[in-house]
C-alpha atoms as a PDB file:
ATOM      1  CA  MET A   1      80.014 106.497   3.597  1.00  0.00           C
ATOM      2  CA  ALA A   2      82.482 103.197   3.679  1.00  0.00           C
ATOM      3  CA  GLU A   3      82.810 104.045   0.143  1.00  0.00           C
ATOM      4  CA  ARG A   4      85.034 106.950  -0.229  1.00  0.00           C
ATOM      5  CA  HIS A   5      84.695 107.795  -4.044  1.00  0.00           C
ATOM      6  CA  TYR A   6      84.549 111.660  -3.264  1.00  0.00           C
ATOM      7  CA  VAL A   7      85.948 113.531  -6.242  1.00  0.00           C
ATOM      8  CA  HIS A   8      87.356 117.305  -4.624  1.00  0.00           C
ATOM      9  CA  VAL A   9      90.448 117.309  -2.988  1.00  0.00           C
ATOM     10  CA  GLY A  10      90.287 117.711   0.548  1.00  0.00           C
ATOM     11  CA  GLY A  11      92.635 119.476   3.299  1.00  0.00           C
ATOM     12  CA  GLU A  12      93.012 123.343   3.088  1.00  0.00           C
ATOM     13  CA  GLU A  13      92.573 123.836  -0.645  1.00  0.00           C
ATOM     14  CA  GLY A  14      89.192 122.026  -0.248  1.00  0.00           C
ATOM     15  CA  ARG A  15      88.469 124.041   2.476  1.00  0.00           C
ATOM     16  CA  ASP A  16      88.626 126.987   0.645  1.00  0.00           C
ATOM     17  CA  ARG A  17      86.442 125.547  -2.091  1.00  0.00           C
ATOM     18  CA  LEU A  18      83.969 124.760   0.510  1.00  0.00           C
ATOM     19  CA  ARG A  19      83.847 128.291   1.864  1.00  0.00           C
ATOM     20  CA  VAL A  20      82.539 129.953  -1.201  1.00  0.00           C
ATOM     21  CA  LEU A  21      80.356 126.892  -1.286  1.00  0.00           C
ATOM     22  CA  ALA A  22      79.012 127.699   1.967  1.00  0.00           C
ATOM     23  CA  ARG A  23      78.575 131.238   1.153  1.00  0.00           C
ATOM     24  CA  ILE A  24      76.421 130.462  -1.971  1.00  0.00           C
ATOM     25  CA  PHE A  25      73.866 128.003  -0.275  1.00  0.00           C
ATOM     26  CA  ALA A  26      73.743 129.682   3.385  1.00  0.00           C
ATOM     27  CA  PRO A  27      70.609 131.354   2.919  1.00  0.00           C
ATOM     28  CA  ALA A  28      68.931 128.580   1.403  1.00  0.00           C
ATOM     29  CA  THR A  29      70.182 125.973   4.080  1.00  0.00           C
ATOM     30  CA  ALA A  30      69.127 128.591   6.704  1.00  0.00           C
ATOM     31  CA  ALA A  31      65.561 128.571   5.310  1.00  0.00           C
ATOM     32  CA  LEU A  32      65.559 124.768   5.052  1.00  0.00           C
ATOM     33  CA  LEU A  33      66.295 124.879   8.648  1.00  0.00           C
ATOM     34  CA  ASP A  34      63.488 127.217   9.671  1.00  0.00           C
ATOM     35  CA  ARG A  35      61.439 125.126   7.931  1.00  0.00           C
ATOM     36  CA  VAL A  36      62.061 121.990   9.425  1.00  0.00           C
ATOM     37  CA  GLU A  37      62.224 123.773  12.954  1.00  0.00           C
ATOM     38  CA  ILE A  38      65.422 123.188  14.212  1.00  0.00           C
ATOM     39  CA  VAL A  39      65.072 124.548  17.610  1.00  0.00           C
ATOM     40  CA  ALA A  40      66.924 125.100  20.900  1.00  0.00           C
ATOM     41  CA  GLY A  41      67.807 121.618  23.120  1.00  0.00           C
ATOM     42  CA  MET A  42      67.851 119.353  20.078  1.00  0.00           C
ATOM     43  CA  ARG A  43      70.558 116.701  19.466  1.00  0.00           C
ATOM     44  CA  CYS A  44      71.706 116.687  15.359  1.00  0.00           C
ATOM     45  CA  LEU A  45      74.313 114.876  13.650  1.00  0.00           C
ATOM     46  CA  ASP A  46      75.685 116.488  10.600  1.00  0.00           C
ATOM     47  CA  VAL A  47      76.849 113.260   7.884  1.00  0.00           C
ATOM     48  CA  GLY A  48      79.936 114.422   5.856  1.00  0.00           C
ATOM     49  CA  CYS A  49      79.905 117.750   7.663  1.00  0.00           C
ATOM     50  CA  GLY A  50      83.445 119.078   5.449  1.00  0.00           C
ATOM     51  CA  GLY A  51      84.452 122.516   6.847  1.00  0.00           C
ATOM     52  CA  GLY A  52      82.026 122.438   9.054  1.00  0.00           C
ATOM     53  CA  ASP A  53      79.771 125.647   7.806  1.00  0.00           C
ATOM     54  CA  VAL A  54      76.498 123.942   8.430  1.00  0.00           C
ATOM     55  CA  ALA A  55      77.652 122.271  11.878  1.00  0.00           C
ATOM     56  CA  VAL A  56      78.376 126.017  13.607  1.00  0.00           C
ATOM     57  CA  GLU A  57      74.774 127.170  12.214  1.00  0.00           C
ATOM     58  CA  LEU A  58      73.402 123.766  13.726  1.00  0.00           C
ATOM     59  CA  ALA A  59      75.216 124.429  17.137  1.00  0.00           C
ATOM     60  CA  ARG A  60      73.649 127.740  17.138  1.00  0.00           C
ATOM     61  CA  ARG A  61      70.261 127.160  16.537  1.00  0.00           C
ATOM     62  CA  VAL A  62      70.291 124.112  19.298  1.00  0.00           C
ATOM     63  CA  GLY A  63      71.834 126.198  22.048  1.00  0.00           C
ATOM     64  CA  PRO A  64      73.907 125.200  25.222  1.00  0.00           C
ATOM     65  CA  GLY A  65      71.375 122.634  25.956  1.00  0.00           C
ATOM     66  CA  GLY A  66      71.314 121.098  22.490  1.00  0.00           C
ATOM     67  CA  ALA A  67      74.183 118.863  20.756  1.00  0.00           C
ATOM     68  CA  VAL A  68      75.700 118.563  17.195  1.00  0.00           C
ATOM     69  CA  ILE A  69      77.700 115.729  16.426  1.00  0.00           C
ATOM     70  CA  ALA A  70      79.706 116.187  12.955  1.00  0.00           C
ATOM     71  CA  ILE A  71      81.374 113.222  11.285  1.00  0.00           C
ATOM     72  CA  ASP A  72      83.570 113.208   7.987  1.00  0.00           C
ATOM     73  CA  PHE A  73      86.251 110.903   6.890  1.00  0.00           C
ATOM     74  CA  ASP A  74      88.898 113.985   5.694  1.00  0.00           C
ATOM     75  CA  GLY A  75      91.318 115.000   8.974  1.00  0.00           C
ATOM     76  CA  GLU A  76      92.559 117.517   7.857  1.00  0.00           C
ATOM     77  CA  SER A  77      89.336 118.799   7.167  1.00  0.00           C
ATOM     78  CA  LEU A  78      87.958 118.350  10.483  1.00  0.00           C
ATOM     79  CA  ASP A  79      91.045 120.224  12.112  1.00  0.00           C
ATOM     80  CA  ILE A  80      90.454 123.357  10.286  1.00  0.00           C
ATOM     81  CA  ALA A  81      86.799 122.945  11.414  1.00  0.00           C
ATOM     82  CA  ARG A  82      87.653 122.361  14.948  1.00  0.00           C
ATOM     83  CA  ARG A  83      89.639 125.312  15.125  1.00  0.00           C
ATOM     84  CA  GLU A  84      86.951 127.697  13.408  1.00  0.00           C
ATOM     85  CA  ALA A  85      83.925 126.232  16.208  1.00  0.00           C
ATOM     86  CA  LEU A  86      86.387 127.105  18.745  1.00  0.00           C
ATOM     87  CA  LEU A  87      86.955 130.164  17.656  1.00  0.00           C
ATOM     88  CA  ALA A  88      83.267 130.739  17.134  1.00  0.00           C
ATOM     89  CA  GLY A  89      82.780 129.369  20.765  1.00  0.00           C
ATOM     90  CA  HIS A  90      80.496 126.798  20.243  1.00  0.00           C
ATOM     91  CA  ASP A  91      81.210 124.032  22.843  1.00  0.00           C
ATOM     92  CA  ASN A  92      78.081 122.157  22.129  1.00  0.00           C
ATOM     93  CA  LEU A  93      79.688 120.942  18.667  1.00  0.00           C
ATOM     94  CA  ILE A  94      81.955 117.497  18.418  1.00  0.00           C
ATOM     95  CA  TYR A  95      83.771 116.860  15.134  1.00  0.00           C
ATOM     96  CA  ARG A  96      84.469 112.841  15.227  1.00  0.00           C
ATOM     97  CA  GLN A  97      86.837 111.554  11.969  1.00  0.00           C
ATOM     98  CA  CYS A  98      84.953 108.255  11.501  1.00  0.00           C
ATOM     99  CA  ASP A  99      82.849 106.858   8.670  1.00  0.00           C
ATOM    100  CA  LEU A 100      79.118 106.747   9.122  1.00  0.00           C
ATOM    101  CA  PHE A 101      78.486 103.142   9.187  1.00  0.00           C
ATOM    102  CA  ASP A 102      81.389 102.863  12.091  1.00  0.00           C
ATOM    103  CA  LEU A 103      79.357 105.689  14.021  1.00  0.00           C
ATOM    104  CA  GLY A 104      77.721 104.404  17.283  1.00  0.00           C
ATOM    105  CA  LEU A 105      76.030 107.128  20.023  1.00  0.00           C
ATOM    106  CA  ASP A 106      75.320 106.758  22.995  1.00  0.00           C
ATOM    107  CA  LYS A 107      71.538 107.616  22.567  1.00  0.00           C
ATOM    108  CA  PRO A 108      69.305 108.261  19.461  1.00  0.00           C
ATOM    109  CA  ILE A 109      69.197 111.910  18.062  1.00  0.00           C
ATOM    110  CA  ASP A 110      66.518 114.172  16.707  1.00  0.00           C
ATOM    111  CA  VAL A 111      67.389 115.386  13.460  1.00  0.00           C
ATOM    112  CA  VAL A 112      70.040 114.208  10.444  1.00  0.00           C
ATOM    113  CA  TYR A 113      71.329 116.429   8.339  1.00  0.00           C
ATOM    114  CA  THR A 114      73.362 115.949   5.111  1.00  0.00           C
ATOM    115  CA  ARG A 115      74.392 117.910   2.058  1.00  0.00           C
ATOM    116  CA  PHE A 116      76.099 116.387  -1.035  1.00  0.00           C
ATOM    117  CA  VAL A 117      77.022 113.446   0.705  1.00  0.00           C
ATOM    118  CA  LEU A 118      74.582 111.140  -0.793  1.00  0.00           C
ATOM    119  CA  THR A 119      75.764 112.254  -4.443  1.00  0.00           C
ATOM    120  CA  HIS A 120      79.342 110.588  -3.897  1.00  0.00           C
ATOM    121  CA  LEU A 121      78.283 107.318  -2.388  1.00  0.00           C
ATOM    122  CA  GLN A 122      77.451 103.891  -4.751  1.00  0.00           C
ATOM    123  CA  ASP A 123      74.770 102.731  -2.401  1.00  0.00           C
ATOM    124  CA  PRO A 124      73.122 105.737  -0.761  1.00  0.00           C
ATOM    125  CA  VAL A 125      70.486 103.847   0.181  1.00  0.00           C
ATOM    126  CA  THR A 126      72.207 101.870   2.803  1.00  0.00           C
ATOM    127  CA  ALA A 127      73.782 105.210   4.247  1.00  0.00           C
ATOM    128  CA  LEU A 128      69.838 106.133   4.506  1.00  0.00           C
ATOM    129  CA  ARG A 129      69.181 103.252   6.450  1.00  0.00           C
ATOM    130  CA  LYS A 130      72.138 103.478   8.478  1.00  0.00           C
ATOM    131  CA  MET A 131      70.543 107.291   8.802  1.00  0.00           C
ATOM    132  CA  ALA A 132      67.714 106.116  10.072  1.00  0.00           C
ATOM    133  CA  GLY A 133      68.894 103.684  12.649  1.00  0.00           C
ATOM    134  CA  LEU A 134      70.632 106.762  14.654  1.00  0.00           C
ATOM    135  CA  LEU A 135      67.175 108.641  14.781  1.00  0.00           C
ATOM    136  CA  ARG A 136      64.598 108.582  17.727  1.00  0.00           C
ATOM    137  CA  PRO A 137      60.985 107.915  16.804  1.00  0.00           C
ATOM    138  CA  GLY A 138      59.688 110.591  15.470  1.00  0.00           C
ATOM    139  CA  GLY A 139      63.050 112.202  14.351  1.00  0.00           C
ATOM    140  CA  ARG A 140      63.916 113.647  11.045  1.00  0.00           C
ATOM    141  CA  ILE A 141      66.152 113.349   8.297  1.00  0.00           C
ATOM    142  CA  VAL A 142      66.991 116.706   6.250  1.00  0.00           C
ATOM    143  CA  ILE A 143      68.889 116.328   2.918  1.00  0.00           C
ATOM    144  CA  GLU A 144      70.490 118.615   0.237  1.00  0.00           C
ATOM    145  CA  ASP A 145      71.419 117.111  -2.874  1.00  0.00           C
ATOM    146  CA  ALA A 146      72.512 117.893  -6.580  1.00  0.00           C
ATOM    147  CA  ASP A 147      71.198 117.434  -9.884  1.00  0.00           C
ATOM    148  CA  ALA A 148      74.087 118.286 -12.524  1.00  0.00           C
ATOM    149  CA  SER A 149      72.171 117.448 -15.072  1.00  0.00           C
ATOM    150  CA  ALA A 150      70.458 120.905 -15.024  1.00  0.00           C
ATOM    151  CA  ASN A 151      73.939 122.960 -15.225  1.00  0.00           C
ATOM    152  CA  PHE A 152      73.170 125.690 -17.516  1.00  0.00           C
ATOM    153  CA  CYS A 153      75.759 128.774 -19.262  1.00  0.00           C
ATOM    154  CA  HIS A 154      74.196 131.572 -21.469  1.00  0.00           C
ATOM    155  CA  PRO A 155      75.878 131.989 -23.786  1.00  0.00           C
ATOM    156  CA  PRO A 156      77.373 128.619 -24.445  1.00  0.00           C
ATOM    157  CA  GLU A 157      81.064 128.184 -23.163  1.00  0.00           C
ATOM    158  CA  PRO A 158      82.665 125.768 -23.936  1.00  0.00           C
ATOM    159  CA  ALA A 159      84.546 125.716 -20.833  1.00  0.00           C
ATOM    160  CA  PHE A 160      81.803 125.992 -18.834  1.00  0.00           C
ATOM    161  CA  ASP A 161      80.201 122.814 -21.311  1.00  0.00           C
ATOM    162  CA  LEU A 162      83.455 120.926 -20.010  1.00  0.00           C
ATOM    163  CA  TYR A 163      82.862 121.553 -16.407  1.00  0.00           C
ATOM    164  CA  SER A 164      79.825 119.932 -16.682  1.00  0.00           C
ATOM    165  CA  ARG A 165      80.812 117.133 -18.420  1.00  0.00           C
ATOM    166  CA  LEU A 166      83.442 116.074 -16.477  1.00  0.00           C
ATOM    167  CA  TYR A 167      81.753 116.376 -13.188  1.00  0.00           C
ATOM    168  CA  ARG A 168      78.917 114.091 -14.077  1.00  0.00           C
ATOM    169  CA  GLU A 169      80.884 111.926 -16.036  1.00  0.00           C
ATOM    170  CA  THR A 170      83.809 111.634 -13.487  1.00  0.00           C
ATOM    171  CA  MET A 171      81.450 111.033 -10.942  1.00  0.00           C
ATOM    172  CA  ARG A 172      79.628 108.168 -12.969  1.00  0.00           C
ATOM    173  CA  ALA A 173      83.086 106.383 -13.457  1.00  0.00           C
ATOM    174  CA  ARG A 174      83.431 106.258  -9.747  1.00  0.00           C
ATOM    175  CA  GLY A 175      79.898 104.644  -9.654  1.00  0.00           C
ATOM    176  CA  THR A 176      78.178 107.498  -8.133  1.00  0.00           C
ATOM    177  CA  ASP A 177      75.483 109.377  -8.884  1.00  0.00           C
ATOM    178  CA  PRO A 178      75.904 113.240 -10.029  1.00  0.00           C
ATOM    179  CA  ASP A 179      72.004 113.912 -10.585  1.00  0.00           C
ATOM    180  CA  ILE A 180      70.439 112.234  -7.220  1.00  0.00           C
ATOM    181  CA  GLY A 181      68.331 115.146  -6.315  1.00  0.00           C
ATOM    182  CA  PRO A 182      64.989 114.615  -7.687  1.00  0.00           C
ATOM    183  CA  LYS A 183      65.530 110.951  -6.533  1.00  0.00           C
ATOM    184  CA  LEU A 184      65.625 111.825  -2.579  1.00  0.00           C
ATOM    185  CA  PRO A 185      61.865 111.771  -2.217  1.00  0.00           C
ATOM    186  CA  LEU A 186      61.053 108.009  -2.952  1.00  0.00           C
ATOM    187  CA  LEU A 187      64.601 106.956  -1.607  1.00  0.00           C
ATOM    188  CA  LEU A 188      63.384 108.479   1.828  1.00  0.00           C
ATOM    189  CA  ARG A 189      60.280 107.338   1.356  1.00  0.00           C
ATOM    190  CA  ASP A 190      61.557 103.766   0.088  1.00  0.00           C
ATOM    191  CA  VAL A 191      63.504 103.373   2.880  1.00  0.00           C
ATOM    192  CA  GLY A 192      60.434 104.246   5.696  1.00  0.00           C
ATOM    193  CA  PHE A 193      60.383 108.045   6.208  1.00  0.00           C
ATOM    194  CA  GLY A 194      57.173 108.970   6.092  1.00  0.00           C
ATOM    195  CA  ASP A 195      55.418 113.340   5.854  1.00  0.00           C
ATOM    196  CA  VAL A 196      58.223 113.337   3.115  1.00  0.00           C
ATOM    197  CA  GLU A 197      58.520 116.803   1.338  1.00  0.00           C
ATOM    198  CA  LEU A 198      60.855 118.583  -0.874  1.00  0.00           C
ATOM    199  CA  ASN A 199      62.153 121.792  -2.188  1.00  0.00           C
ATOM    200  CA  VAL A 200      64.042 122.579  -5.496  1.00  0.00           C
ATOM    201  CA  TYR A 201      66.142 125.993  -5.858  1.00  0.00           C
ATOM    202  CA  GLN A 202      68.795 126.453  -8.216  1.00  0.00           C
ATOM    203  CA  PRO A 203      71.627 129.251  -7.537  1.00  0.00           C
ATOM    204  CA  ALA A 204      72.492 131.529 -10.783  1.00  0.00           C
ATOM    205  CA  GLU A 205      74.036 135.193 -11.441  1.00  0.00           C
ATOM    206  CA  PHE A 206      74.592 137.178 -14.106  1.00  0.00           C
ATOM    207  CA  GLY A 207      77.382 139.414 -12.791  1.00  0.00           C
ATOM    208  CA  GLY A 208      81.145 138.499 -11.642  1.00  0.00           C
ATOM    209  CA  GLY A 209      80.893 136.531  -7.837  1.00  0.00           C
ATOM    210  CA  ASP A 210      80.960 133.290  -5.762  1.00  0.00           C
ATOM    211  CA  ILE A 211      78.739 130.955  -8.189  1.00  0.00           C
ATOM    212  CA  LYS A 212      81.016 131.537 -11.491  1.00  0.00           C
ATOM    213  CA  LEU A 213      84.204 131.476  -8.888  1.00  0.00           C
ATOM    214  CA  LEU A 214      82.772 127.958  -7.531  1.00  0.00           C
ATOM    215  CA  VAL A 215      82.663 126.802 -11.047  1.00  0.00           C
ATOM    216  CA  ALA A 216      86.266 127.346 -11.783  1.00  0.00           C
ATOM    217  CA  LEU A 217      87.584 126.021  -8.227  1.00  0.00           C
ATOM    218  CA  THR A 218      84.951 122.938  -8.998  1.00  0.00           C
ATOM    219  CA  LEU A 219      86.969 122.082 -11.956  1.00  0.00           C
ATOM    220  CA  HIS A 220      90.356 122.458 -10.615  1.00  0.00           C
ATOM    221  CA  SER A 221      88.831 119.786  -7.456  1.00  0.00           C
ATOM    222  CA  ILE A 222      87.904 117.263  -9.994  1.00  0.00           C
ATOM    223  CA  ALA A 223      90.729 117.664 -12.440  1.00  0.00           C
ATOM    224  CA  GLN A 224      92.943 114.516 -10.996  1.00  0.00           C
ATOM    225  CA  PRO A 225      90.495 112.434 -10.866  1.00  0.00           C
ATOM    226  CA  ALA A 226      89.015 113.318 -14.507  1.00  0.00           C
ATOM    227  CA  LEU A 227      92.632 113.120 -15.483  1.00  0.00           C
ATOM    228  CA  GLU A 228      93.077 109.559 -14.207  1.00  0.00           C
ATOM    229  CA  ALA A 229      89.946 108.370 -15.467  1.00  0.00           C
ATOM    230  CA  GLY A 230      91.043 109.158 -19.219  1.00  0.00           C
ATOM    231  CA  LEU A 231      88.373 111.600 -19.259  1.00  0.00           C
ATOM    232  CA  THR A 232      90.382 114.478 -20.602  1.00  0.00           C
ATOM    233  CA  ASN A 233      93.836 115.694 -20.857  1.00  0.00           C
ATOM    234  CA  SER A 234      96.392 118.392 -18.987  1.00  0.00           C
ATOM    235  CA  ASP A 235      95.851 120.845 -22.275  1.00  0.00           C
ATOM    236  CA  GLU A 236      91.968 120.898 -22.008  1.00  0.00           C
ATOM    237  CA  ILE A 237      91.574 121.281 -18.587  1.00  0.00           C
ATOM    238  CA  HIS A 238      94.238 124.035 -18.129  1.00  0.00           C
ATOM    239  CA  THR A 239      92.762 125.964 -20.872  1.00  0.00           C
ATOM    240  CA  ALA A 240      89.560 125.027 -19.651  1.00  0.00           C
ATOM    241  CA  SER A 241      90.408 126.501 -16.066  1.00  0.00           C
ATOM    242  CA  ARG A 242      91.748 129.559 -17.247  1.00  0.00           C
ATOM    243  CA  ARG A 243      88.431 130.398 -19.022  1.00  0.00           C
ATOM    244  CA  LEU A 244      86.389 130.074 -16.428  1.00  0.00           C
ATOM    245  CA  HIS A 245      88.476 132.294 -13.786  1.00  0.00           C
ATOM    246  CA  GLN A 246      88.411 134.525 -16.437  1.00  0.00           C
ATOM    247  CA  LEU A 247      84.640 134.474 -16.640  1.00  0.00           C
ATOM    248  CA  VAL A 248      84.112 135.229 -13.254  1.00  0.00           C
ATOM    249  CA  LYS A 249      84.437 138.693 -12.771  1.00  0.00           C
ATOM    250  CA  ASP A 250      82.666 138.836 -16.497  1.00  0.00           C
ATOM    251  CA  GLY A 251      79.052 140.700 -16.547  1.00  0.00           C
ATOM    252  CA  ASP A 252      77.779 139.178 -19.945  1.00  0.00           C
ATOM    253  CA  THR A 253      77.600 135.863 -18.940  1.00  0.00           C
ATOM    254  CA  VAL A 254      74.780 134.098 -17.545  1.00  0.00           C
ATOM    255  CA  MET A 255      76.031 130.623 -15.056  1.00  0.00           C
ATOM    256  CA  SER A 256      74.491 128.023 -12.511  1.00  0.00           C
ATOM    257  CA  MET A 257      75.129 125.757 -10.429  1.00  0.00           C
ATOM    258  CA  PRO A 258      73.512 122.123 -10.750  1.00  0.00           C
ATOM    259  CA  ARG A 259      69.651 122.130  -9.482  1.00  0.00           C
ATOM    260  CA  ILE A 260      69.124 121.240  -5.923  1.00  0.00           C
ATOM    261  CA  VAL A 261      66.838 119.353  -4.492  1.00  0.00           C
ATOM    262  CA  GLN A 262      66.146 119.708  -0.674  1.00  0.00           C
ATOM    263  CA  ALA A 263      64.342 116.618   1.322  1.00  0.00           C
ATOM    264  CA  TRP A 264      63.420 115.892   4.504  1.00  0.00           C
ATOM    265  CA  GLY A 265      61.053 113.530   5.947  1.00  0.00           C
ATOM    266  CA  ARG A 266      60.050 111.986   9.654  1.00  0.00           C
ATOM    267  CA  LEU A 267      60.882 108.437  11.392  1.00  0.00           C
ATOM    268  CA  PRO A 268      58.079 106.921  12.064  1.00  0.00           C
END
């Protein structure tokens, strides 16, 4: 995470978006954590924890005998996450504002988890090697990341098409990969992980709800970097944003999130 090419806004505004994202992905992430057997007493690291939603879930699962270290470079987001964790009574959860490559631990950990982080890095392989170096022998890595090429909307909607195009082009302009999801299993194997497995899912909805809201919020979140990259103009963004917010409550449109790849493996 030495390369800070994250395209979304942070702070309180970013936290609002991440709350919506957390509601959408909570069931699939919980099922993944069940599948890889995150249990009491484990030491876990959440890389790029954002608002801390998964870190809190990890802390609940490992219990008082375990520990969770959650890192991010957005200090404002971490301040919000700390307040929320304190209110929830999780004293086995520590938030640290730091870069992954600057992180040192007093002893190896059992599990590294990261969601929607590698897609924002120019060099995900080096990041994976760093994560591997923090694990104990036999420790596990668990990743969720996106394939934005698979977004869909029906009936066709120009505002959705603009959101999809700008999201991918803005990330590519920063040298990052919006479609990294399907590459994860091979990346893990190449870094040296064994017992690599994967699962694929894609949230979508027909009626109004969080998925359509997150699409609208994401367009707003990437608007400034898209403008700076010369990929659009303010009028185009404003028109598309207004239309996407109108569609949030629309009951006649099918809209999806990116396809999500979950991949996990074990350090020999």
